[in-house]
Amino acid sequence: MTAHEDRFVAGAGVSPQRAAEMSSVVDRVTRWSAARSDVAGLLLVGSCARGEARSDSDVDLLLLSTAPGRYAVDDSWLRELSLGEVVRVRAWGPLTEWRHVTASGLEVEMCVGPTAWAKTGPVDAGTRRVVTDGARPLHDPAGILGELIRACA
């Protein structure tokens, strides 16, 4: 049982080993994010956030930073998190996705973007799609993710 089990529930059909690995990734990234002064929020999104993860589901995380450009030029954070081999990097509007694959085959999508992604006046259509598809704040020191989720409800 991890400190974040209340925020992560695997769906039916996920093996105990895969559920533990998913939970471990969520816990590790959450602890790492909370220790960084530039991180304004960390959001678990998609099937894991909805509690409907399947055995083939990936873990989707969205990190909002006051200095998102730092992540593109300094890859030391990738080594710190040890999320597996980076198999793809691509832009999704203001977000940059780093897709990782662990040794067991679990895919972890780590998107990094600016705090403006969470603006609520008005909420961007793409942001609204992400949030309404399932979103759970894992680290939200200033409450911007909670405010975004309420605005999308």
N, C-alpha and C. Protein backbone atom coordinates (compact mmCIF):
# COMPACT_ATOMS: atom_id res chain seq x y z
N MET A 1 0.84 -1.18 0.00
CA MET A 1 0.00 0.00 0.00
C MET A 1 0.89 1.24 0.00
N THR A 2 0.64 2.18 -0.91
CA THR A 2 1.45 3.38 -0.96
C THR A 2 0.70 4.55 -0.34
N ALA A 3 1.41 5.64 -0.17
CA ALA A 3 0.80 6.85 0.39
C ALA A 3 -0.26 7.42 -0.53
N HIS A 4 -0.23 7.04 -1.80
CA HIS A 4 -1.17 7.63 -2.76
C HIS A 4 -2.21 6.64 -3.26
N GLU A 5 -2.38 5.52 -2.53
CA GLU A 5 -3.32 4.51 -2.97
C GLU A 5 -4.74 5.07 -3.08
N ASP A 6 -5.09 6.02 -2.22
CA ASP A 6 -6.42 6.61 -2.27
C ASP A 6 -6.65 7.38 -3.58
N ARG A 7 -5.58 7.75 -4.28
CA ARG A 7 -5.71 8.49 -5.52
C ARG A 7 -5.48 7.61 -6.75
N PHE A 8 -5.08 6.38 -6.53
CA PHE A 8 -4.81 5.48 -7.64
C PHE A 8 -5.47 4.15 -7.36
N VAL A 9 -6.40 3.77 -8.22
CA VAL A 9 -7.05 2.47 -8.09
C VAL A 9 -7.06 1.83 -9.46
N ALA A 10 -6.44 0.66 -9.56
CA ALA A 10 -6.44 -0.07 -10.82
C ALA A 10 -7.81 -0.70 -11.03
N GLY A 11 -8.20 -0.81 -12.28
CA GLY A 11 -9.47 -1.44 -12.61
C GLY A 11 -9.36 -2.95 -12.56
N ALA A 12 -10.49 -3.60 -12.80
CA ALA A 12 -10.53 -5.06 -12.82
C ALA A 12 -9.63 -5.58 -13.93
N GLY A 13 -9.02 -6.72 -13.69
CA GLY A 13 -8.18 -7.32 -14.71
C GLY A 13 -6.72 -6.91 -14.66
N VAL A 14 -6.36 -6.00 -13.77
CA VAL A 14 -4.97 -5.59 -13.62
C VAL A 14 -4.34 -6.50 -12.57
N SER A 15 -3.25 -7.14 -12.93
CA SER A 15 -2.59 -8.04 -11.98
C SER A 15 -2.11 -7.27 -10.77
N PRO A 16 -1.98 -7.93 -9.64
CA PRO A 16 -1.45 -7.24 -8.46
C PRO A 16 -0.06 -6.66 -8.71
N GLN A 17 0.75 -7.36 -9.50
CA GLN A 17 2.10 -6.87 -9.80
C GLN A 17 2.05 -5.59 -10.63
N ARG A 18 1.19 -5.57 -11.66
CA ARG A 18 1.09 -4.37 -12.51
C ARG A 18 0.49 -3.22 -11.70
N ALA A 19 -0.52 -3.50 -10.89
CA ALA A 19 -1.12 -2.45 -10.06
C ALA A 19 -0.08 -1.86 -9.11
N ALA A 20 0.76 -2.72 -8.54
CA ALA A 20 1.80 -2.25 -7.62
C ALA A 20 2.82 -1.40 -8.37
N GLU A 21 3.18 -1.81 -9.60
CA GLU A 21 4.14 -1.02 -10.38
C GLU A 21 3.55 0.34 -10.74
N MET A 22 2.29 0.37 -11.16
CA MET A 22 1.63 1.64 -11.49
C MET A 22 1.60 2.55 -10.27
N SER A 23 1.22 1.99 -9.14
CA SER A 23 1.14 2.77 -7.91
C SER A 23 2.52 3.28 -7.50
N SER A 24 3.54 2.46 -7.68
CA SER A 24 4.90 2.86 -7.34
C SER A 24 5.35 4.04 -8.20
N VAL A 25 5.03 4.02 -9.49
CA VAL A 25 5.39 5.12 -10.39
C VAL A 25 4.69 6.40 -9.93
N VAL A 26 3.39 6.31 -9.65
CA VAL A 26 2.63 7.48 -9.22
C VAL A 26 3.21 8.04 -7.92
N ASP A 27 3.52 7.16 -6.98
CA ASP A 27 4.07 7.59 -5.70
C ASP A 27 5.44 8.25 -5.89
N ARG A 28 6.31 7.64 -6.70
CA ARG A 28 7.67 8.16 -6.92
C ARG A 28 7.63 9.55 -7.56
N VAL A 29 6.80 9.71 -8.60
CA VAL A 29 6.73 11.00 -9.29
C VAL A 29 6.10 12.06 -8.37
N THR A 30 5.12 11.66 -7.58
CA THR A 30 4.49 12.61 -6.66
C THR A 30 5.49 13.12 -5.62
N ARG A 31 6.26 12.21 -5.02
CA ARG A 31 7.25 12.62 -4.03
C ARG A 31 8.31 13.52 -4.66
N TRP A 32 8.77 13.16 -5.86
CA TRP A 32 9.77 13.94 -6.57
C TRP A 32 9.23 15.34 -6.88
N SER A 33 8.00 15.42 -7.35
CA SER A 33 7.39 16.71 -7.70
C SER A 33 7.25 17.62 -6.49
N ALA A 34 6.85 17.05 -5.38
CA ALA A 34 6.65 17.85 -4.16
C ALA A 34 7.96 18.47 -3.66
N ALA A 35 9.08 17.89 -4.05
CA ALA A 35 10.38 18.40 -3.60
C ALA A 35 10.97 19.45 -4.54
N ARG A 36 10.28 19.75 -5.64
CA ARG A 36 10.80 20.71 -6.64
C ARG A 36 10.06 22.04 -6.51
N SER A 37 10.81 23.12 -6.38
CA SER A 37 10.20 24.44 -6.19
C SER A 37 9.49 24.94 -7.44
N ASP A 38 9.86 24.47 -8.63
CA ASP A 38 9.22 24.95 -9.86
C ASP A 38 7.91 24.23 -10.18
N VAL A 39 7.60 23.17 -9.49
CA VAL A 39 6.40 22.39 -9.80
C VAL A 39 5.19 23.01 -9.12
N ALA A 40 4.25 23.46 -9.95
CA ALA A 40 3.02 24.07 -9.44
C ALA A 40 1.89 23.06 -9.34
N GLY A 41 2.05 21.91 -9.99
CA GLY A 41 1.01 20.90 -9.91
C GLY A 41 1.39 19.63 -10.64
N LEU A 42 0.86 18.52 -10.14
CA LEU A 42 1.01 17.22 -10.79
C LEU A 42 -0.35 16.57 -10.83
N LEU A 43 -0.74 16.14 -12.02
CA LEU A 43 -2.08 15.62 -12.25
C LEU A 43 -1.98 14.22 -12.83
N LEU A 44 -2.69 13.27 -12.26
CA LEU A 44 -2.86 11.94 -12.84
C LEU A 44 -4.10 12.03 -13.72
N VAL A 45 -3.98 11.61 -14.97
CA VAL A 45 -5.11 11.71 -15.90
C VAL A 45 -5.38 10.38 -16.57
N GLY A 46 -6.54 10.29 -17.24
CA GLY A 46 -6.88 9.11 -18.01
C GLY A 46 -7.46 7.99 -17.17
N SER A 47 -7.27 6.77 -17.65
CA SER A 47 -7.90 5.60 -17.04
C SER A 47 -7.45 5.37 -15.60
N CYS A 48 -6.19 5.63 -15.29
CA CYS A 48 -5.73 5.47 -13.91
C CYS A 48 -6.44 6.44 -12.98
N ALA A 49 -6.64 7.67 -13.43
CA ALA A 49 -7.33 8.67 -12.61
C ALA A 49 -8.80 8.30 -12.41
N ARG A 50 -9.38 7.64 -13.41
CA ARG A 50 -10.79 7.22 -13.30
C ARG A 50 -10.95 5.94 -12.49
N GLY A 51 -9.85 5.26 -12.16
CA GLY A 51 -9.93 3.98 -11.47
C GLY A 51 -10.33 2.86 -12.41
N GLU A 52 -10.05 3.04 -13.70
CA GLU A 52 -10.45 2.06 -14.71
C GLU A 52 -9.26 1.51 -15.48
N ALA A 53 -8.07 1.57 -14.90
CA ALA A 53 -6.88 1.08 -15.59
C ALA A 53 -7.02 -0.40 -15.89
N ARG A 54 -6.58 -0.77 -17.09
CA ARG A 54 -6.56 -2.17 -17.52
C ARG A 54 -5.11 -2.65 -17.52
N SER A 55 -4.92 -3.92 -17.81
CA SER A 55 -3.56 -4.46 -17.82
C SER A 55 -2.70 -3.80 -18.89
N ASP A 56 -3.32 -3.27 -19.96
CA ASP A 56 -2.57 -2.63 -21.03
C ASP A 56 -2.58 -1.10 -20.94
N SER A 57 -3.10 -0.56 -19.85
CA SER A 57 -3.16 0.89 -19.68
C SER A 57 -1.79 1.45 -19.37
N ASP A 58 -1.60 2.70 -19.77
CA ASP A 58 -0.38 3.41 -19.39
C ASP A 58 -0.70 4.31 -18.20
N VAL A 59 0.33 4.87 -17.61
CA VAL A 59 0.18 5.83 -16.53
C VAL A 59 0.41 7.20 -17.15
N ASP A 60 -0.59 8.06 -17.09
CA ASP A 60 -0.53 9.39 -17.69
C ASP A 60 -0.40 10.44 -16.59
N LEU A 61 0.70 11.16 -16.63
CA LEU A 61 0.96 12.21 -15.64
C LEU A 61 1.20 13.53 -16.34
N LEU A 62 0.71 14.60 -15.74
CA LEU A 62 0.86 15.93 -16.31
C LEU A 62 1.44 16.84 -15.23
N LEU A 63 2.62 17.36 -15.49
CA LEU A 63 3.33 18.21 -14.55
C LEU A 63 3.29 19.64 -15.05
N LEU A 64 2.85 20.55 -14.19
CA LEU A 64 2.85 21.97 -14.52
C LEU A 64 3.97 22.66 -13.76
N SER A 65 4.75 23.43 -14.50
CA SER A 65 5.94 24.05 -13.94
C SER A 65 5.98 25.54 -14.24
N THR A 66 6.62 26.27 -13.35
CA THR A 66 6.86 27.69 -13.60
C THR A 66 8.04 27.86 -14.56
N ALA A 67 8.77 26.78 -14.83
CA ALA A 67 9.92 26.81 -15.74
C ALA A 67 9.92 25.56 -16.62
N PRO A 68 8.87 25.36 -17.43
CA PRO A 68 8.77 24.11 -18.20
C PRO A 68 9.89 23.92 -19.22
N GLY A 69 10.47 25.01 -19.73
CA GLY A 69 11.54 24.89 -20.71
C GLY A 69 12.78 24.20 -20.16
N ARG A 70 12.95 24.26 -18.87
CA ARG A 70 14.10 23.63 -18.21
C ARG A 70 14.13 22.12 -18.48
N TYR A 71 12.96 21.50 -18.59
CA TYR A 71 12.88 20.05 -18.76
C TYR A 71 13.36 19.60 -20.14
N ALA A 72 13.22 20.48 -21.12
CA ALA A 72 13.65 20.15 -22.48
C ALA A 72 15.16 20.27 -22.65
N VAL A 73 15.80 21.13 -21.87
CA VAL A 73 17.23 21.36 -22.05
C VAL A 73 18.10 20.60 -21.05
N ASP A 74 17.52 20.16 -19.95
CA ASP A 74 18.27 19.43 -18.93
C ASP A 74 17.54 18.13 -18.64
N ASP A 75 18.10 17.02 -19.10
CA ASP A 75 17.41 15.75 -18.95
C ASP A 75 17.77 15.00 -17.65
N SER A 76 18.38 15.68 -16.70
CA SER A 76 18.73 15.01 -15.44
C SER A 76 17.48 14.53 -14.70
N TRP A 77 16.36 15.19 -14.88
CA TRP A 77 15.12 14.78 -14.23
C TRP A 77 14.67 13.40 -14.72
N LEU A 78 14.97 13.08 -15.98
CA LEU A 78 14.60 11.77 -16.51
C LEU A 78 15.36 10.67 -15.77
N ARG A 79 16.63 10.89 -15.52
CA ARG A 79 17.43 9.91 -14.77
C ARG A 79 16.97 9.83 -13.31
N GLU A 80 16.63 10.97 -12.72
CA GLU A 80 16.17 10.99 -11.33
C GLU A 80 14.90 10.16 -11.15
N LEU A 81 13.99 10.26 -12.09
CA LEU A 81 12.71 9.56 -11.97
C LEU A 81 12.79 8.08 -12.36
N SER A 82 13.73 7.71 -13.20
CA SER A 82 13.90 6.31 -13.61
C SER A 82 12.59 5.68 -14.05
N LEU A 83 11.95 6.29 -15.04
CA LEU A 83 10.67 5.79 -15.53
C LEU A 83 10.81 4.82 -16.70
N GLY A 84 12.03 4.48 -17.04
CA GLY A 84 12.27 3.56 -18.14
C GLY A 84 12.86 4.28 -19.34
N GLU A 85 12.95 3.55 -20.43
CA GLU A 85 13.52 4.09 -21.66
C GLU A 85 12.56 5.10 -22.30
N VAL A 86 13.08 6.24 -22.70
CA VAL A 86 12.27 7.23 -23.42
C VAL A 86 12.13 6.74 -24.86
N VAL A 87 10.88 6.51 -25.28
CA VAL A 87 10.63 6.00 -26.63
C VAL A 87 10.03 7.04 -27.55
N ARG A 88 9.57 8.17 -26.96
CA ARG A 88 9.00 9.23 -27.80
C ARG A 88 8.97 10.53 -27.03
N VAL A 89 9.27 11.59 -27.75
CA VAL A 89 9.11 12.95 -27.21
C VAL A 89 8.34 13.72 -28.27
N ARG A 90 7.23 14.34 -27.86
CA ARG A 90 6.49 15.15 -28.83
C ARG A 90 5.69 16.23 -28.12
N ALA A 91 5.36 17.25 -28.90
CA ALA A 91 4.61 18.39 -28.37
C ALA A 91 3.11 18.17 -28.58
N TRP A 92 2.36 18.56 -27.58
CA TRP A 92 0.89 18.61 -27.64
C TRP A 92 0.51 20.03 -27.25
N GLY A 93 0.50 20.93 -28.20
CA GLY A 93 0.24 22.33 -27.87
C GLY A 93 1.31 22.82 -26.92
N PRO A 94 0.91 23.35 -25.75
CA PRO A 94 1.91 23.89 -24.81
C PRO A 94 2.61 22.80 -23.98
N LEU A 95 2.16 21.55 -24.11
CA LEU A 95 2.74 20.45 -23.33
C LEU A 95 3.76 19.70 -24.16
N THR A 96 4.77 19.16 -23.50
CA THR A 96 5.71 18.24 -24.13
C THR A 96 5.58 16.90 -23.44
N GLU A 97 5.39 15.86 -24.23
CA GLU A 97 5.23 14.50 -23.72
C GLU A 97 6.55 13.74 -23.84
N TRP A 98 6.93 13.09 -22.75
CA TRP A 98 8.02 12.13 -22.76
C TRP A 98 7.37 10.79 -22.45
N ARG A 99 7.36 9.88 -23.43
CA ARG A 99 6.78 8.54 -23.22
C ARG A 99 7.91 7.59 -22.89
N HIS A 100 7.73 6.89 -21.77
CA HIS A 100 8.72 5.94 -21.27
C HIS A 100 8.14 4.53 -21.31
N VAL A 101 9.01 3.54 -21.40
CA VAL A 101 8.61 2.14 -21.26
C VAL A 101 9.54 1.51 -20.23
N THR A 102 8.95 0.92 -19.19
CA THR A 102 9.73 0.28 -18.14
C THR A 102 10.18 -1.10 -18.61
N ALA A 103 11.03 -1.72 -17.84
CA ALA A 103 11.54 -3.06 -18.18
C ALA A 103 10.41 -4.08 -18.30
N SER A 104 9.33 -3.89 -17.55
CA SER A 104 8.20 -4.83 -17.59
C SER A 104 7.24 -4.54 -18.75
N GLY A 105 7.45 -3.40 -19.43
CA GLY A 105 6.58 -3.02 -20.54
C GLY A 105 5.53 -1.97 -20.19
N LEU A 106 5.47 -1.54 -18.94
CA LEU A 106 4.53 -0.48 -18.55
C LEU A 106 4.94 0.82 -19.24
N GLU A 107 3.97 1.47 -19.88
CA GLU A 107 4.23 2.77 -20.50
C GLU A 107 3.83 3.88 -19.53
N VAL A 108 4.69 4.87 -19.44
CA VAL A 108 4.46 6.03 -18.58
C VAL A 108 4.58 7.27 -19.44
N GLU A 109 3.50 8.02 -19.53
CA GLU A 109 3.51 9.28 -20.28
C GLU A 109 3.64 10.42 -19.29
N MET A 110 4.73 11.15 -19.41
CA MET A 110 4.98 12.30 -18.54
C MET A 110 4.92 13.55 -19.41
N CYS A 111 3.88 14.34 -19.24
CA CYS A 111 3.74 15.60 -19.97
C CYS A 111 4.14 16.74 -19.05
N VAL A 112 4.88 17.68 -19.60
CA VAL A 112 5.33 18.85 -18.84
C VAL A 112 4.86 20.09 -19.58
N GLY A 113 4.31 21.03 -18.83
CA GLY A 113 3.85 22.26 -19.45
C GLY A 113 3.81 23.41 -18.46
N PRO A 114 3.44 24.58 -18.97
CA PRO A 114 3.38 25.78 -18.13
C PRO A 114 2.13 25.80 -17.27
N THR A 115 2.18 26.57 -16.20
CA THR A 115 1.02 26.70 -15.32
C THR A 115 -0.18 27.29 -16.06
N ALA A 116 0.06 28.05 -17.12
CA ALA A 116 -1.04 28.64 -17.90
C ALA A 116 -1.94 27.58 -18.51
N TRP A 117 -1.46 26.33 -18.64
CA TRP A 117 -2.30 25.24 -19.16
C TRP A 117 -3.55 25.08 -18.29
N ALA A 118 -3.45 25.42 -17.02
CA ALA A 118 -4.56 25.24 -16.08
C ALA A 118 -5.43 26.47 -15.91
N LYS A 119 -5.25 27.48 -16.77
CA LYS A 119 -6.05 28.70 -16.59
C LYS A 119 -7.53 28.39 -16.77
N THR A 120 -8.34 29.10 -16.03
CA THR A 120 -9.78 28.81 -16.01
C THR A 120 -10.63 29.90 -16.62
N GLY A 121 -10.04 30.93 -17.17
CA GLY A 121 -10.86 32.02 -17.68
C GLY A 121 -10.63 32.34 -19.14
N PRO A 122 -11.19 31.64 -20.08
CA PRO A 122 -11.92 30.37 -19.96
C PRO A 122 -10.96 29.17 -20.06
N VAL A 123 -11.50 27.98 -19.80
CA VAL A 123 -10.71 26.76 -19.91
C VAL A 123 -10.56 26.41 -21.39
N ASP A 124 -9.32 26.16 -21.81
CA ASP A 124 -9.03 25.74 -23.19
C ASP A 124 -9.76 24.42 -23.48
N ALA A 125 -10.25 24.26 -24.71
CA ALA A 125 -11.01 23.06 -25.08
C ALA A 125 -10.18 21.79 -24.91
N GLY A 126 -8.90 21.82 -25.28
CA GLY A 126 -8.04 20.65 -25.11
C GLY A 126 -7.82 20.31 -23.65
N THR A 127 -7.61 21.33 -22.85
CA THR A 127 -7.46 21.13 -21.41
C THR A 127 -8.72 20.52 -20.83
N ARG A 128 -9.87 21.04 -21.24
CA ARG A 128 -11.15 20.51 -20.74
C ARG A 128 -11.31 19.03 -21.09
N ARG A 129 -10.91 18.64 -22.30
CA ARG A 129 -11.01 17.21 -22.70
C ARG A 129 -10.16 16.33 -21.79
N VAL A 130 -8.94 16.78 -21.53
CA VAL A 130 -8.05 16.00 -20.66
C VAL A 130 -8.66 15.85 -19.27
N VAL A 131 -9.12 16.95 -18.71
CA VAL A 131 -9.64 16.95 -17.34
C VAL A 131 -10.93 16.15 -17.23
N THR A 132 -11.84 16.31 -18.17
CA THR A 132 -13.12 15.61 -18.06
C THR A 132 -13.01 14.12 -18.37
N ASP A 133 -11.88 13.70 -18.96
CA ASP A 133 -11.65 12.27 -19.22
C ASP A 133 -11.13 11.56 -17.97
N GLY A 134 -10.89 12.30 -16.92
CA GLY A 134 -10.41 11.73 -15.67
C GLY A 134 -9.17 12.46 -15.21
N ALA A 135 -9.24 13.07 -14.05
CA ALA A 135 -8.10 13.83 -13.53
C ALA A 135 -8.12 13.81 -12.01
N ARG A 136 -6.96 13.49 -11.43
CA ARG A 136 -6.81 13.51 -9.97
C ARG A 136 -5.54 14.27 -9.62
N PRO A 137 -5.66 15.34 -8.87
CA PRO A 137 -4.45 16.06 -8.45
C PRO A 137 -3.63 15.20 -7.49
N LEU A 138 -2.34 15.14 -7.75
CA LEU A 138 -1.42 14.41 -6.87
C LEU A 138 -0.58 15.38 -6.04
N HIS A 139 -0.32 16.55 -6.61
CA HIS A 139 0.42 17.61 -5.92
C HIS A 139 -0.15 18.93 -6.42
N ASP A 140 -0.75 19.70 -5.53
CA ASP A 140 -1.44 20.92 -5.93
C ASP A 140 -1.29 21.98 -4.84
N PRO A 141 -0.04 22.44 -4.61
CA PRO A 141 0.21 23.32 -3.47
C PRO A 141 -0.55 24.64 -3.49
N ALA A 142 -0.82 25.19 -4.66
CA ALA A 142 -1.53 26.47 -4.74
C ALA A 142 -3.02 26.29 -5.07
N GLY A 143 -3.46 25.06 -5.28
CA GLY A 143 -4.86 24.80 -5.57
C GLY A 143 -5.28 25.05 -7.01
N ILE A 144 -4.32 25.25 -7.93
CA ILE A 144 -4.71 25.56 -9.31
C ILE A 144 -5.36 24.37 -10.01
N LEU A 145 -4.96 23.15 -9.66
CA LEU A 145 -5.56 21.98 -10.29
C LEU A 145 -6.97 21.74 -9.77
N GLY A 146 -7.16 21.94 -8.50
CA GLY A 146 -8.50 21.82 -7.93
C GLY A 146 -9.45 22.83 -8.55
N GLU A 147 -8.96 24.05 -8.73
CA GLU A 147 -9.78 25.10 -9.36
C GLU A 147 -10.11 24.73 -10.81
N LEU A 148 -9.13 24.18 -11.52
CA LEU A 148 -9.36 23.76 -12.91
C LEU A 148 -10.40 22.65 -12.97
N ILE A 149 -10.30 21.67 -12.12
CA ILE A 149 -11.25 20.56 -12.12
C ILE A 149 -12.66 21.07 -11.81
N ARG A 150 -12.78 21.97 -10.87
CA ARG A 150 -14.11 22.55 -10.56
C ARG A 150 -14.65 23.32 -11.75
N ALA A 151 -13.79 24.04 -12.46
CA ALA A 151 -14.22 24.83 -13.62
C ALA A 151 -14.69 23.93 -14.77
N CYS A 152 -14.16 22.72 -14.81
CA CYS A 152 -14.51 21.78 -15.90
C CYS A 152 -15.73 20.92 -15.56
N ALA A 153 -16.15 20.97 -14.31
CA ALA A 153 -17.28 20.11 -13.88
C ALA A 153 -18.60 20.61 -14.43
